[in-house]
Amino acid sequence: MGYTSELLEQVNNMPTILRIGPYRFFFFSEESGGPIHVHVIRERIEAKFWITPTVSVAGNDGFAQHELRKVMRLVEENKELIEYEWNKRKESC
């Protein structure tokens, strides 16, 4: 479960849009198309969240359910910033 060392290195090179406590919020650089979403990583575990039309879990690789709910609340609280950063990145591609 979680990232391999090689994939973790790639993830660490992706631009961070937000950090809250141990959580890093980021996009993969090649993901400019499709529905707005964000990846959240803590150590070697990760979840992906759809942002629109409503925040929902797109995938979970290691977060316990109670922590996943906590991270989802953080995504919801920062939805506007995530959408802004997504659109800014899409414009620059």
Protein backbone atom coordinates (compact mmCIF):
# COMPACT_ATOMS: atom_id res chain seq x y z
CA MET A 1 0.00 0.00 0.00
CA GLY A 2 1.23 3.53 -0.72
CA TYR A 3 3.83 4.93 -3.07
CA THR A 4 7.01 3.25 -4.25
CA SER A 5 10.20 5.25 -3.73
CA GLU A 6 10.32 6.14 -7.44
CA LEU A 7 6.72 7.37 -7.55
CA LEU A 8 7.17 9.21 -4.25
CA GLU A 9 10.10 11.12 -5.78
CA GLN A 10 7.89 12.14 -8.74
CA VAL A 11 5.10 13.20 -6.36
CA ASN A 12 7.53 15.27 -4.30
CA ASN A 13 8.45 17.18 -7.47
CA MET A 14 4.83 18.18 -8.17
CA PRO A 15 3.88 21.74 -7.20
CA THR A 16 2.34 22.04 -3.74
CA ILE A 17 -0.77 24.20 -3.65
CA LEU A 18 -1.42 23.92 0.08
CA ARG A 19 0.01 22.42 3.26
CA ILE A 20 -2.06 21.86 6.37
CA GLY A 21 -0.35 20.02 9.22
CA PRO A 22 1.07 16.78 7.82
CA TYR A 23 -1.01 17.01 4.61
CA ARG A 24 0.30 18.19 1.26
CA PHE A 25 -2.25 19.14 -1.42
CA PHE A 26 -1.05 18.97 -5.03
CA PHE A 27 -1.90 18.29 -8.67
CA PHE A 28 0.03 16.14 -11.11
CA SER A 29 1.39 18.41 -13.83
CA GLU A 30 -0.08 16.31 -16.66
CA GLU A 31 -3.60 16.43 -15.22
CA SER A 32 -4.76 19.73 -16.69
CA GLY A 33 -7.83 18.24 -18.36
CA GLY A 34 -10.83 16.50 -16.88
CA PRO A 35 -12.80 17.27 -13.76
CA ILE A 36 -11.17 19.40 -11.09
CA HIS A 37 -9.52 17.26 -8.45
CA VAL A 38 -6.69 17.36 -5.93
CA HIS A 39 -4.34 14.80 -4.43
CA VAL A 40 -3.51 14.83 -0.73
CA ILE A 41 -0.51 12.96 0.64
CA ARG A 42 0.80 12.26 4.11
CA GLU A 43 4.02 10.30 4.23
CA ARG A 44 3.38 7.43 1.77
CA ILE A 45 -0.42 7.42 1.78
CA GLU A 46 -2.59 9.39 -0.62
CA ALA A 47 -6.15 10.20 -1.51
CA LYS A 48 -7.67 11.88 -4.54
CA PHE A 49 -10.72 14.11 -4.26
CA TRP A 50 -13.10 15.35 -6.94
CA ILE A 51 -13.81 19.01 -6.31
CA THR A 52 -16.80 19.57 -8.59
CA PRO A 53 -19.72 19.41 -8.59
CA THR A 54 -19.31 18.52 -4.89
CA VAL A 55 -16.26 17.34 -2.98
CA SER A 56 -16.07 13.55 -2.97
CA VAL A 57 -13.44 10.84 -2.66
CA ALA A 58 -12.12 9.65 -6.02
CA GLY A 59 -9.61 7.24 -4.54
CA ASN A 60 -7.93 6.30 -1.29
CA ASP A 61 -4.61 4.54 -0.91
CA GLY A 62 -4.02 4.07 2.78
CA PHE A 63 -5.97 6.60 4.83
CA ALA A 64 -8.13 5.12 7.60
CA GLN A 65 -11.77 6.17 7.24
CA HIS A 66 -11.69 8.58 10.20
CA GLU A 67 -8.63 10.36 8.79
CA LEU A 68 -10.08 10.34 5.27
CA ARG A 69 -13.15 12.19 6.59
CA LYS A 70 -10.86 14.73 8.27
CA VAL A 71 -8.91 15.29 5.04
CA MET A 72 -12.15 15.60 3.07
CA ARG A 73 -13.28 18.37 5.44
CA LEU A 74 -9.97 20.17 4.78
CA VAL A 75 -10.57 19.85 1.03
CA GLU A 76 -14.10 21.23 1.45
CA GLU A 77 -12.80 24.16 3.54
CA ASN A 78 -10.25 24.98 0.82
CA LYS A 79 -12.38 24.23 -2.23
CA GLU A 80 -12.24 27.79 -3.62
CA LEU A 81 -8.44 27.93 -3.37
CA ILE A 82 -8.11 24.51 -5.02
CA GLU A 83 -10.39 25.56 -7.90
CA TYR A 84 -8.47 28.83 -8.29
CA GLU A 85 -5.10 27.04 -8.43
CA TRP A 86 -6.48 24.44 -10.88
CA ASN A 87 -7.79 27.13 -13.23
CA LYS A 88 -4.60 29.18 -12.93
CA ARG A 89 -2.52 26.11 -13.82
CA LYS A 90 -4.82 25.21 -16.72
CA GLU A 91 -4.47 28.74 -18.16
CA SER A 92 -0.68 28.48 -18.05
CA CYS A 93 -0.56 25.11 -19.87
